[in-house]
Amino acid sequence: MSISALGYVVVEAADLEAWAEYGRKILGAEVNESEGALEMRVDERAWRLRVEQGPLDDLKAIGFETSTPVAFADVLASLDAQDVPYTKDIALAKARGVVELATFVDPAGVTIEVFYGATQLFQKPFVSPAGVLGFVTGDQGLGHIVIAVRDDAEYQAFWASLGFKLSDYIEFMPAPGMRAKVTFMHCNARHHSLAFAAVPHPKRIIHLMLQTQSLDDVGLALDRVKKNGVPLAWDLGRHTNDHMTSFYMLSPSKWEFEYGWGAREINDATWTVERHDSMSIWGHELKIKPEDRTHG
């Protein structure tokens, strides 16, 4: 037993007002204020994305979920076996609304919060202020996150020790003169909850993805992006590896948010690891320069 899903993501941002508007109008999330931060809700969970005030405009922590106290203990035992220090944090667990939580730093320097027992609000059904029908979460977790790392082989081995399995690789040229190898890993039926690449990048986070239950909600979100002047990073397209139909836009913190639908799922009994030399079957035309995508 090990990590079962991407539970939540915590980011730091300079402009909370812009994030609140972006969350409601563009993402279609419920946005609530909590102790000077924003907590965004996209399903029955109390929250899935927390935006805290600060100058970083980048990833602050990733919350990975375990399904039971036993699975939680198994993860901590795996960290002990690798001499990875961690801290059980009662106060942070209370603040996050979970039963038990431990923090540690992974090989890429990312702060990880592993937990179980997140707060559910079935008595208050999620209602999107933008009319989104719903997002694919549940057993598949929040979505996926892609980050920049120093050593992709080391990173893959570390997360494999905590229960993640290899999905596939994409080796491609995301921008002129830049080659990248992206590693995709899964911990449930979602094609990938975690992906990473050893590439130079001014921010730790490369992108965060939300998956809708309806293709129309992707098209409607793209219309909202264009109507509200949100910078489009990659136009509509369909990925080679997970077959997701999606587009990428900039968040108010200038890192990318992927909005997609229709990803294929993984059955570990039949899945075969693949390699791809293109990120897309069609589309995903680059719309802005790399320097505009990661600064400012």
C-alpha atoms as a PDB file:
ATOM      1  CA  MET A   1       0.000   0.000   0.000  1.00  0.00           C
ATOM      2  CA  SER A   2       1.311   3.470  -0.890  1.00  0.00           C
ATOM      3  CA  ILE A   3       0.350   6.845  -2.315  1.00  0.00           C
ATOM      4  CA  SER A   4      -3.008   6.642  -4.054  1.00  0.00           C
ATOM      5  CA  ALA A   5      -3.642  10.064  -5.619  1.00  0.00           C
ATOM      6  CA  LEU A   6      -2.651  13.680  -6.056  1.00  0.00           C
ATOM      7  CA  GLY A   7      -4.748  15.162  -3.268  1.00  0.00           C
ATOM      8  CA  TYR A   8      -4.059  18.880  -3.496  1.00  0.00           C
ATOM      9  CA  VAL A   9      -1.554  21.519  -4.577  1.00  0.00           C
ATOM     10  CA  VAL A  10      -0.394  24.613  -2.669  1.00  0.00           C
ATOM     11  CA  VAL A  11       1.063  27.547  -4.608  1.00  0.00           C
ATOM     12  CA  GLU A  12       2.298  30.991  -3.654  1.00  0.00           C
ATOM     13  CA  ALA A  13       1.137  34.044  -5.589  1.00  0.00           C
ATOM     14  CA  ALA A  14       1.671  37.776  -5.454  1.00  0.00           C
ATOM     15  CA  ASP A  15      -1.815  38.737  -6.671  1.00  0.00           C
ATOM     16  CA  LEU A  16      -4.585  36.891  -4.818  1.00  0.00           C
ATOM     17  CA  GLU A  17      -7.286  39.104  -6.288  1.00  0.00           C
ATOM     18  CA  ALA A  18      -6.288  38.083  -9.822  1.00  0.00           C
ATOM     19  CA  TRP A  19      -6.228  34.433  -8.763  1.00  0.00           C
ATOM     20  CA  ALA A  20      -9.706  34.676  -7.231  1.00  0.00           C
ATOM     21  CA  GLU A  21     -11.130  36.055 -10.472  1.00  0.00           C
ATOM     22  CA  TYR A  22      -9.195  33.496 -12.528  1.00  0.00           C
ATOM     23  CA  GLY A  23     -10.426  30.639 -10.351  1.00  0.00           C
ATOM     24  CA  ARG A  24     -14.085  31.596 -10.618  1.00  0.00           C
ATOM     25  CA  LYS A  25     -14.336  32.966 -14.167  1.00  0.00           C
ATOM     26  CA  ILE A  26     -11.792  30.853 -16.032  1.00  0.00           C
ATOM     27  CA  LEU A  27     -11.310  27.582 -14.133  1.00  0.00           C
ATOM     28  CA  GLY A  28     -14.892  27.445 -12.937  1.00  0.00           C
ATOM     29  CA  ALA A  29     -13.891  26.635  -9.356  1.00  0.00           C
ATOM     30  CA  GLU A  30     -15.547  27.704  -6.128  1.00  0.00           C
ATOM     31  CA  VAL A  31     -13.142  30.132  -4.435  1.00  0.00           C
ATOM     32  CA  ASN A  32     -13.163  30.732  -0.686  1.00  0.00           C
ATOM     33  CA  GLU A  33     -10.944  32.882   1.527  1.00  0.00           C
ATOM     34  CA  SER A  34      -9.165  31.095   4.371  1.00  0.00           C
ATOM     35  CA  GLU A  35      -6.741  32.824   6.724  1.00  0.00           C
ATOM     36  CA  GLY A  36      -5.448  35.237   4.109  1.00  0.00           C
ATOM     37  CA  ALA A  37      -5.264  32.600   1.368  1.00  0.00           C
ATOM     38  CA  LEU A  38      -7.590  31.275  -1.332  1.00  0.00           C
ATOM     39  CA  GLU A  39      -8.915  27.720  -1.345  1.00  0.00           C
ATOM     40  CA  MET A  40     -10.400  26.439  -4.602  1.00  0.00           C
ATOM     41  CA  ARG A  41     -12.978  23.687  -4.704  1.00  0.00           C
ATOM     42  CA  VAL A  42     -13.742  21.570  -7.798  1.00  0.00           C
ATOM     43  CA  ASP A  43     -15.525  18.545  -6.290  1.00  0.00           C
ATOM     44  CA  GLU A  44     -16.817  17.182  -2.956  1.00  0.00           C
ATOM     45  CA  ARG A  45     -13.520  17.946  -1.211  1.00  0.00           C
ATOM     46  CA  ALA A  46     -13.311  21.046   0.974  1.00  0.00           C
ATOM     47  CA  TRP A  47     -10.573  22.292  -1.369  1.00  0.00           C
ATOM     48  CA  ARG A  48      -8.068  21.091  -3.964  1.00  0.00           C
ATOM     49  CA  LEU A  49      -5.918  24.138  -4.790  1.00  0.00           C
ATOM     50  CA  ARG A  50      -4.674  26.585  -2.148  1.00  0.00           C
ATOM     51  CA  VAL A  51      -3.160  29.908  -3.197  1.00  0.00           C
ATOM     52  CA  GLU A  52      -1.134  31.638  -0.496  1.00  0.00           C
ATOM     53  CA  GLN A  53       0.086  35.239  -0.506  1.00  0.00           C
ATOM     54  CA  GLY A  54       3.780  35.698  -1.325  1.00  0.00           C
ATOM     55  CA  PRO A  55       6.285  36.794  -3.960  1.00  0.00           C
ATOM     56  CA  LEU A  56       7.232  33.327  -5.202  1.00  0.00           C
ATOM     57  CA  ASP A  57       4.525  32.861  -7.882  1.00  0.00           C
ATOM     58  CA  ASP A  58       5.417  29.191  -7.942  1.00  0.00           C
ATOM     59  CA  LEU A  59       4.756  25.807  -6.398  1.00  0.00           C
ATOM     60  CA  LYS A  60       4.890  25.693  -2.599  1.00  0.00           C
ATOM     61  CA  ALA A  61       3.842  22.120  -1.777  1.00  0.00           C
ATOM     62  CA  ILE A  62       2.282  19.015  -3.306  1.00  0.00           C
ATOM     63  CA  GLY A  63      -0.216  17.054  -1.221  1.00  0.00           C
ATOM     64  CA  PHE A  64      -0.162  13.332  -2.002  1.00  0.00           C
ATOM     65  CA  GLU A  65      -2.930  11.210  -0.563  1.00  0.00           C
ATOM     66  CA  THR A  66      -2.948   7.753   1.009  1.00  0.00           C
ATOM     67  CA  SER A  67      -6.198   5.859   1.425  1.00  0.00           C
ATOM     68  CA  THR A  68      -5.814   4.535   4.997  1.00  0.00           C
ATOM     69  CA  PRO A  69      -3.724   4.968   8.157  1.00  0.00           C
ATOM     70  CA  VAL A  70      -1.920   1.743   7.231  1.00  0.00           C
ATOM     71  CA  ALA A  71      -0.977   3.083   3.796  1.00  0.00           C
ATOM     72  CA  PHE A  72       0.175   6.325   5.421  1.00  0.00           C
ATOM     73  CA  ALA A  73       2.408   4.364   7.802  1.00  0.00           C
ATOM     74  CA  ASP A  74       3.762   2.341   4.871  1.00  0.00           C
ATOM     75  CA  VAL A  75       4.863   5.536   3.100  1.00  0.00           C
ATOM     76  CA  LEU A  76       6.629   6.759   6.233  1.00  0.00           C
ATOM     77  CA  ALA A  77       8.319   3.354   6.569  1.00  0.00           C
ATOM     78  CA  SER A  78       9.562   3.694   2.987  1.00  0.00           C
ATOM     79  CA  LEU A  79      10.973   7.131   3.816  1.00  0.00           C
ATOM     80  CA  ASP A  80      12.678   5.680   6.916  1.00  0.00           C
ATOM     81  CA  ALA A  81      14.238   2.931   4.787  1.00  0.00           C
ATOM     82  CA  GLN A  82      15.736   5.580   2.498  1.00  0.00           C
ATOM     83  CA  ASP A  83      16.852   7.842   5.380  1.00  0.00           C
ATOM     84  CA  VAL A  84      14.548  10.603   4.148  1.00  0.00           C
ATOM     85  CA  PRO A  85      13.688  12.840   7.113  1.00  0.00           C
ATOM     86  CA  TYR A  86      10.051  13.774   7.633  1.00  0.00           C
ATOM     87  CA  THR A  87       7.978  15.610  10.223  1.00  0.00           C
ATOM     88  CA  LYS A  88       4.511  14.709  11.431  1.00  0.00           C
ATOM     89  CA  ASP A  89       2.723  18.035  11.722  1.00  0.00           C
ATOM     90  CA  ILE A  90      -0.453  18.096  13.827  1.00  0.00           C
ATOM     91  CA  ALA A  91      -1.054  21.824  13.350  1.00  0.00           C
ATOM     92  CA  LEU A  92      -0.628  21.658   9.574  1.00  0.00           C
ATOM     93  CA  ALA A  93      -2.903  18.618   9.391  1.00  0.00           C
ATOM     94  CA  LYS A  94      -5.614  20.619  11.150  1.00  0.00           C
ATOM     95  CA  ALA A  95      -5.074  23.585   8.841  1.00  0.00           C
ATOM     96  CA  ARG A  96      -5.261  21.355   5.764  1.00  0.00           C
ATOM     97  CA  GLY A  97      -8.382  19.625   7.068  1.00  0.00           C
ATOM     98  CA  VAL A  98      -6.900  16.114   7.097  1.00  0.00           C
ATOM     99  CA  VAL A  99      -6.611  13.462   9.810  1.00  0.00           C
ATOM    100  CA  GLU A 100      -2.848  12.991   9.726  1.00  0.00           C
ATOM    101  CA  LEU A 101      -0.051  14.573   7.709  1.00  0.00           C
ATOM    102  CA  ALA A 102       3.726  14.396   7.369  1.00  0.00           C
ATOM    103  CA  THR A 103       6.031  16.685   5.411  1.00  0.00           C
ATOM    104  CA  PHE A 104       9.325  15.943   3.683  1.00  0.00           C
ATOM    105  CA  VAL A 105      11.453  17.295   0.855  1.00  0.00           C
ATOM    106  CA  ASP A 106      11.873  15.143  -2.244  1.00  0.00           C
ATOM    107  CA  PRO A 107      15.059  14.821  -4.373  1.00  0.00           C
ATOM    108  CA  ALA A 108      14.078  17.842  -6.492  1.00  0.00           C
ATOM    109  CA  GLY A 109      13.703  20.053  -3.424  1.00  0.00           C
ATOM    110  CA  VAL A 110       9.895  20.014  -3.587  1.00  0.00           C
ATOM    111  CA  THR A 111       8.016  20.118  -0.291  1.00  0.00           C
ATOM    112  CA  ILE A 112       5.695  17.111  -0.105  1.00  0.00           C
ATOM    113  CA  GLU A 113       2.755  16.742   2.269  1.00  0.00           C
ATOM    114  CA  VAL A 114       1.595  13.129   2.511  1.00  0.00           C
ATOM    115  CA  PHE A 115      -1.726  12.611   4.290  1.00  0.00           C
ATOM    116  CA  TYR A 116      -4.934  10.662   4.718  1.00  0.00           C
ATOM    117  CA  GLY A 117      -8.473  11.573   5.731  1.00  0.00           C
ATOM    118  CA  ALA A 118      -9.278  14.734   3.767  1.00  0.00           C
ATOM    119  CA  THR A 119     -12.446  16.661   4.613  1.00  0.00           C
ATOM    120  CA  GLN A 120     -15.428  15.865   2.378  1.00  0.00           C
ATOM    121  CA  LEU A 121     -18.425  18.188   1.964  1.00  0.00           C
ATOM    122  CA  PHE A 122     -21.113  15.938   0.530  1.00  0.00           C
ATOM    123  CA  GLN A 123     -23.673  18.116   2.304  1.00  0.00           C
ATOM    124  CA  LYS A 124     -22.584  21.021   0.089  1.00  0.00           C
ATOM    125  CA  PRO A 125     -22.452  19.847  -3.547  1.00  0.00           C
ATOM    126  CA  PHE A 126     -19.909  21.572  -5.769  1.00  0.00           C
ATOM    127  CA  VAL A 127     -21.487  24.233  -7.964  1.00  0.00           C
ATOM    128  CA  SER A 128     -19.247  25.828 -10.578  1.00  0.00           C
ATOM    129  CA  PRO A 129     -19.686  29.605 -10.875  1.00  0.00           C
ATOM    130  CA  ALA A 130     -18.798  29.263 -14.585  1.00  0.00           C
ATOM    131  CA  GLY A 131     -21.273  26.440 -15.190  1.00  0.00           C
ATOM    132  CA  VAL A 132     -18.713  23.616 -15.531  1.00  0.00           C
ATOM    133  CA  LEU A 133     -20.596  20.309 -15.290  1.00  0.00           C
ATOM    134  CA  GLY A 134     -17.844  18.737 -13.198  1.00  0.00           C
ATOM    135  CA  PHE A 135     -14.250  17.553 -13.069  1.00  0.00           C
ATOM    136  CA  VAL A 136     -12.739  14.054 -13.129  1.00  0.00           C
ATOM    137  CA  THR A 137     -11.420  13.523  -9.596  1.00  0.00           C
ATOM    138  CA  GLY A 138     -12.550  10.843  -7.114  1.00  0.00           C
ATOM    139  CA  ASP A 139     -10.244   7.836  -7.078  1.00  0.00           C
ATOM    140  CA  GLN A 140      -8.066   9.567  -9.695  1.00  0.00           C
ATOM    141  CA  GLY A 141      -7.322  12.542  -7.477  1.00  0.00           C
ATOM    142  CA  LEU A 142      -7.064  16.197  -8.399  1.00  0.00           C
ATOM    143  CA  GLY A 143      -5.482  15.860 -11.831  1.00  0.00           C
ATOM    144  CA  HIS A 144      -1.782  15.955 -12.617  1.00  0.00           C
ATOM    145  CA  ILE A 145       1.213  18.157 -11.978  1.00  0.00           C
ATOM    146  CA  VAL A 146       4.381  18.534 -14.064  1.00  0.00           C
ATOM    147  CA  ILE A 147       7.565  19.895 -12.510  1.00  0.00           C
ATOM    148  CA  ALA A 148      11.169  20.670 -13.425  1.00  0.00           C
ATOM    149  CA  VAL A 149      13.769  18.483 -11.693  1.00  0.00           C
ATOM    150  CA  ARG A 150      17.547  18.174 -11.554  1.00  0.00           C
ATOM    151  CA  ASP A 151      17.924  14.429 -12.171  1.00  0.00           C
ATOM    152  CA  ASP A 152      15.010  12.638 -13.808  1.00  0.00           C
ATOM    153  CA  ALA A 153      16.383   9.106 -13.241  1.00  0.00           C
ATOM    154  CA  GLU A 154      16.858   9.757  -9.523  1.00  0.00           C
ATOM    155  CA  TYR A 155      13.408  11.313  -9.305  1.00  0.00           C
ATOM    156  CA  GLN A 156      11.752   8.384 -11.053  1.00  0.00           C
ATOM    157  CA  ALA A 157      13.437   5.886  -8.723  1.00  0.00           C
ATOM    158  CA  PHE A 158      12.388   7.845  -5.643  1.00  0.00           C
ATOM    159  CA  TRP A 159       8.707   8.003  -6.543  1.00  0.00           C
ATOM    160  CA  ALA A 160       8.718   4.367  -7.654  1.00  0.00           C
ATOM    161  CA  SER A 161       9.794   3.516  -4.095  1.00  0.00           C
ATOM    162  CA  LEU A 162       6.611   5.219  -2.857  1.00  0.00           C
ATOM    163  CA  GLY A 163       4.319   3.279  -5.170  1.00  0.00           C
ATOM    164  CA  PHE A 164       4.257   5.273  -8.411  1.00  0.00           C
ATOM    165  CA  LYS A 165       4.521   3.271 -11.652  1.00  0.00           C
ATOM    166  CA  LEU A 166       5.983   4.325 -14.973  1.00  0.00           C
ATOM    167  CA  SER A 167       3.418   5.178 -17.661  1.00  0.00           C
ATOM    168  CA  ASP A 168       5.600   6.340 -20.555  1.00  0.00           C
ATOM    169  CA  TYR A 169       8.072   8.907 -21.875  1.00  0.00           C
ATOM    170  CA  ILE A 170       7.826  11.719 -24.399  1.00  0.00           C
ATOM    171  CA  GLU A 171      11.032  12.987 -26.006  1.00  0.00           C
ATOM    172  CA  PHE A 172      10.326  16.069 -28.085  1.00  0.00           C
ATOM    173  CA  MET A 173      11.233  19.692 -28.806  1.00  0.00           C
ATOM    174  CA  PRO A 174       8.867  21.956 -26.799  1.00  0.00           C
ATOM    175  CA  ALA A 175      10.529  25.104 -28.157  1.00  0.00           C
ATOM    176  CA  PRO A 176      13.067  25.811 -30.917  1.00  0.00           C
ATOM    177  CA  GLY A 177      16.523  24.592 -29.901  1.00  0.00           C
ATOM    178  CA  MET A 178      15.269  22.871 -26.741  1.00  0.00           C
ATOM    179  CA  ARG A 179      14.930  19.092 -26.429  1.00  0.00           C
ATOM    180  CA  ALA A 180      13.122  17.569 -23.487  1.00  0.00           C
ATOM    181  CA  LYS A 181      12.436  14.101 -22.108  1.00  0.00           C
ATOM    182  CA  VAL A 182       9.322  14.029 -19.959  1.00  0.00           C
ATOM    183  CA  THR A 183       8.657  11.090 -17.630  1.00  0.00           C
ATOM    184  CA  PHE A 184       5.039  10.248 -16.769  1.00  0.00           C
ATOM    185  CA  MET A 185       4.088   8.212 -13.670  1.00  0.00           C
ATOM    186  CA  HIS A 186       0.777   7.001 -12.257  1.00  0.00           C
ATOM    187  CA  CYS A 187      -0.547   5.849  -8.882  1.00  0.00           C
ATOM    188  CA  ASN A 188      -4.120   5.011  -9.923  1.00  0.00           C
ATOM    189  CA  ALA A 189      -6.110   4.673 -13.168  1.00  0.00           C
ATOM    190  CA  ARG A 190      -5.270   8.241 -14.265  1.00  0.00           C
ATOM    191  CA  HIS A 191      -2.626   8.071 -16.984  1.00  0.00           C
ATOM    192  CA  HIS A 192      -0.325  10.235 -14.893  1.00  0.00           C
ATOM    193  CA  SER A 193      -0.627  12.133 -11.636  1.00  0.00           C
ATOM    194  CA  LEU A 194       3.031  13.194 -11.696  1.00  0.00           C
ATOM    195  CA  ALA A 195       5.293  14.093 -14.606  1.00  0.00           C
ATOM    196  CA  PHE A 196       8.709  15.717 -14.656  1.00  0.00           C
ATOM    197  CA  ALA A 197      11.618  16.711 -16.863  1.00  0.00           C
ATOM    198  CA  ALA A 198      15.255  17.635 -16.265  1.00  0.00           C
ATOM    199  CA  VAL A 199      15.086  20.937 -18.121  1.00  0.00           C
ATOM    200  CA  PRO A 200      16.197  24.476 -17.289  1.00  0.00           C
ATOM    201  CA  HIS A 201      13.132  26.262 -16.004  1.00  0.00           C
ATOM    202  CA  PRO A 202      12.787  29.436 -13.915  1.00  0.00           C
ATOM    203  CA  LYS A 203       9.855  27.977 -11.991  1.00  0.00           C
ATOM    204  CA  ARG A 204       9.540  24.647 -10.204  1.00  0.00           C
ATOM    205  CA  ILE A 205       6.063  24.046 -11.594  1.00  0.00           C
ATOM    206  CA  ILE A 206       5.678  23.566 -15.337  1.00  0.00           C
ATOM    207  CA  HIS A 207       1.933  23.034 -15.339  1.00  0.00           C
ATOM    208  CA  LEU A 208      -1.089  21.809 -13.402  1.00  0.00           C
ATOM    209  CA  MET A 209      -3.996  20.016 -15.105  1.00  0.00           C
ATOM    210  CA  LEU A 210      -7.743  19.893 -14.494  1.00  0.00           C
ATOM    211  CA  GLN A 211      -9.810  17.320 -16.417  1.00  0.00           C
ATOM    212  CA  THR A 212     -13.453  18.052 -17.177  1.00  0.00           C
ATOM    213  CA  GLN A 213     -16.259  15.535 -17.511  1.00  0.00           C
ATOM    214  CA  SER A 214     -17.421  17.116 -20.774  1.00  0.00           C
ATOM    215  CA  LEU A 215     -15.614  18.096 -23.973  1.00  0.00           C
ATOM    216  CA  ASP A 216     -17.948  21.071 -24.262  1.00  0.00           C
ATOM    217  CA  ASP A 217     -16.550  22.413 -20.976  1.00  0.00           C
ATOM    218  CA  VAL A 218     -13.087  22.523 -22.551  1.00  0.00           C
ATOM    219  CA  GLY A 219     -14.431  24.483 -25.505  1.00  0.00           C
ATOM    220  CA  LEU A 220     -16.400  26.811 -23.262  1.00  0.00           C
ATOM    221  CA  ALA A 221     -13.320  27.405 -21.108  1.00  0.00           C
ATOM    222  CA  LEU A 222     -11.301  28.218 -24.230  1.00  0.00           C
ATOM    223  CA  ASP A 223     -13.979  30.754 -25.156  1.00  0.00           C
ATOM    224  CA  ARG A 224     -13.710  32.285 -21.656  1.00  0.00           C
ATOM    225  CA  VAL A 225      -9.929  32.488 -21.978  1.00  0.00           C
ATOM    226  CA  LYS A 226     -10.172  34.379 -25.276  1.00  0.00           C
ATOM    227  CA  LYS A 227     -12.998  36.630 -24.105  1.00  0.00           C
ATOM    228  CA  ASN A 228     -11.164  37.630 -20.910  1.00  0.00           C
ATOM    229  CA  GLY A 229      -7.745  38.137 -22.507  1.00  0.00           C
ATOM    230  CA  VAL A 230      -6.018  35.288 -20.660  1.00  0.00           C
ATOM    231  CA  PRO A 231      -2.764  34.424 -22.475  1.00  0.00           C
ATOM    232  CA  LEU A 232      -3.025  31.124 -24.359  1.00  0.00           C
ATOM    233  CA  ALA A 233       0.186  29.088 -24.147  1.00  0.00           C
ATOM    234  CA  TRP A 234      -0.667  26.085 -26.345  1.00  0.00           C
ATOM    235  CA  ASP A 235      -3.787  25.965 -28.516  1.00  0.00           C
ATOM    236  CA  LEU A 236      -6.293  23.106 -28.540  1.00  0.00           C
ATOM    237  CA  GLY A 237      -4.810  19.701 -29.343  1.00  0.00           C
ATOM    238  CA  ARG A 238      -4.761  16.006 -28.469  1.00  0.00           C
ATOM    239  CA  HIS A 239      -1.826  14.380 -26.681  1.00  0.00           C
ATOM    240  CA  THR A 240      -0.045  11.289 -27.965  1.00  0.00           C
ATOM    241  CA  ASN A 241       0.398   9.536 -24.640  1.00  0.00           C
ATOM    242  CA  ASP A 242      -2.778  10.052 -22.576  1.00  0.00           C
ATOM    243  CA  HIS A 243      -4.963  11.052 -25.583  1.00  0.00           C
ATOM    244  CA  MET A 244      -6.231  14.086 -23.657  1.00  0.00           C
ATOM    245  CA  THR A 245      -7.869  16.822 -25.716  1.00  0.00           C
ATOM    246  CA  SER A 246      -6.736  20.040 -24.057  1.00  0.00           C
ATOM    247  CA  PHE A 247      -5.307  23.527 -24.231  1.00  0.00           C
ATOM    248  CA  TYR A 248      -2.828  25.383 -22.014  1.00  0.00           C
ATOM    249  CA  MET A 249      -3.238  28.897 -20.641  1.00  0.00           C
ATOM    250  CA  LEU A 250      -1.202  31.043 -18.299  1.00  0.00           C
ATOM    251  CA  SER A 251      -2.207  31.396 -14.690  1.00  0.00           C
ATOM    252  CA  PRO A 252      -1.944  34.827 -13.007  1.00  0.00           C
ATOM    253  CA  SER A 253       1.465  33.639 -11.732  1.00  0.00           C
ATOM    254  CA  LYS A 254       2.694  33.014 -15.320  1.00  0.00           C
ATOM    255  CA  TRP A 255       2.939  29.238 -15.107  1.00  0.00           C
ATOM    256  CA  GLU A 256       0.717  27.072 -17.267  1.00  0.00           C
ATOM    257  CA  PHE A 257      -2.674  25.541 -16.495  1.00  0.00           C
ATOM    258  CA  GLU A 258      -3.850  22.669 -18.717  1.00  0.00           C
ATOM    259  CA  TYR A 259      -7.593  22.252 -19.178  1.00  0.00           C
ATOM    260  CA  GLY A 260      -8.602  18.975 -20.800  1.00  0.00           C
ATOM    261  CA  TRP A 261     -11.032  16.125 -21.405  1.00  0.00           C
ATOM    262  CA  GLY A 262     -11.055  12.497 -22.504  1.00  0.00           C
ATOM    263  CA  ALA A 263      -7.797  10.986 -21.231  1.00  0.00           C
ATOM    264  CA  ARG A 264      -7.382   7.230 -21.517  1.00  0.00           C
ATOM    265  CA  GLU A 265      -6.941   5.308 -18.281  1.00  0.00           C
ATOM    266  CA  ILE A 266      -4.382   2.724 -17.177  1.00  0.00           C
ATOM    267  CA  ASN A 267      -5.016  -0.879 -16.205  1.00  0.00           C
ATOM    268  CA  ASP A 268      -1.786  -2.119 -14.647  1.00  0.00           C
ATOM    269  CA  ALA A 269      -2.622  -5.709 -15.597  1.00  0.00           C
ATOM    270  CA  THR A 270      -2.437  -4.876 -19.293  1.00  0.00           C
ATOM    271  CA  TRP A 271      -0.484  -1.604 -19.580  1.00  0.00           C
ATOM    272  CA  THR A 272       2.745  -1.556 -21.605  1.00  0.00           C
ATOM    273  CA  VAL A 273       5.228   1.280 -21.114  1.00  0.00           C
ATOM    274  CA  GLU A 274       5.485   3.416 -24.241  1.00  0.00           C
ATOM    275  CA  ARG A 275       7.749   6.033 -25.790  1.00  0.00           C
ATOM    276  CA  HIS A 276       6.574   8.970 -27.925  1.00  0.00           C
ATOM    277  CA  ASP A 277       8.545  11.457 -30.014  1.00  0.00           C
ATOM    278  CA  SER A 278       5.802  14.078 -30.216  1.00  0.00           C
ATOM    279  CA  MET A 279       3.602  15.589 -27.513  1.00  0.00           C
ATOM    280  CA  SER A 280       0.527  15.725 -29.726  1.00  0.00           C
ATOM    281  CA  ILE A 281      -1.412  13.734 -32.291  1.00  0.00           C
ATOM    282  CA  TRP A 282      -2.721  17.044 -33.599  1.00  0.00           C
ATOM    283  CA  GLY A 283      -2.834  20.674 -32.469  1.00  0.00           C
ATOM    284  CA  HIS A 284      -1.209  22.160 -29.351  1.00  0.00           C
ATOM    285  CA  GLU A 285       0.327  24.936 -31.414  1.00  0.00           C
ATOM    286  CA  LEU A 286       2.693  27.064 -29.316  1.00  0.00           C
ATOM    287  CA  LYS A 287       1.115  30.513 -28.972  1.00  0.00           C
ATOM    288  CA  ILE A 288       3.569  32.488 -26.827  1.00  0.00           C
ATOM    289  CA  LYS A 289       7.320  32.703 -26.416  1.00  0.00           C
ATOM    290  CA  PRO A 290       8.967  30.634 -23.654  1.00  0.00           C
ATOM    291  CA  GLU A 291      10.207  33.753 -21.876  1.00  0.00           C
ATOM    292  CA  ASP A 292       6.658  35.148 -21.747  1.00  0.00           C
ATOM    293  CA  ARG A 293       5.370  31.848 -20.387  1.00  0.00           C
ATOM    294  CA  THR A 294       7.567  31.797 -17.299  1.00  0.00           C
ATOM    295  CA  HIS A 295       8.292  35.360 -16.224  1.00  0.00           C
ATOM    296  CA  GLY A 296       6.523  38.493 -15.110  1.00  0.00           C
END
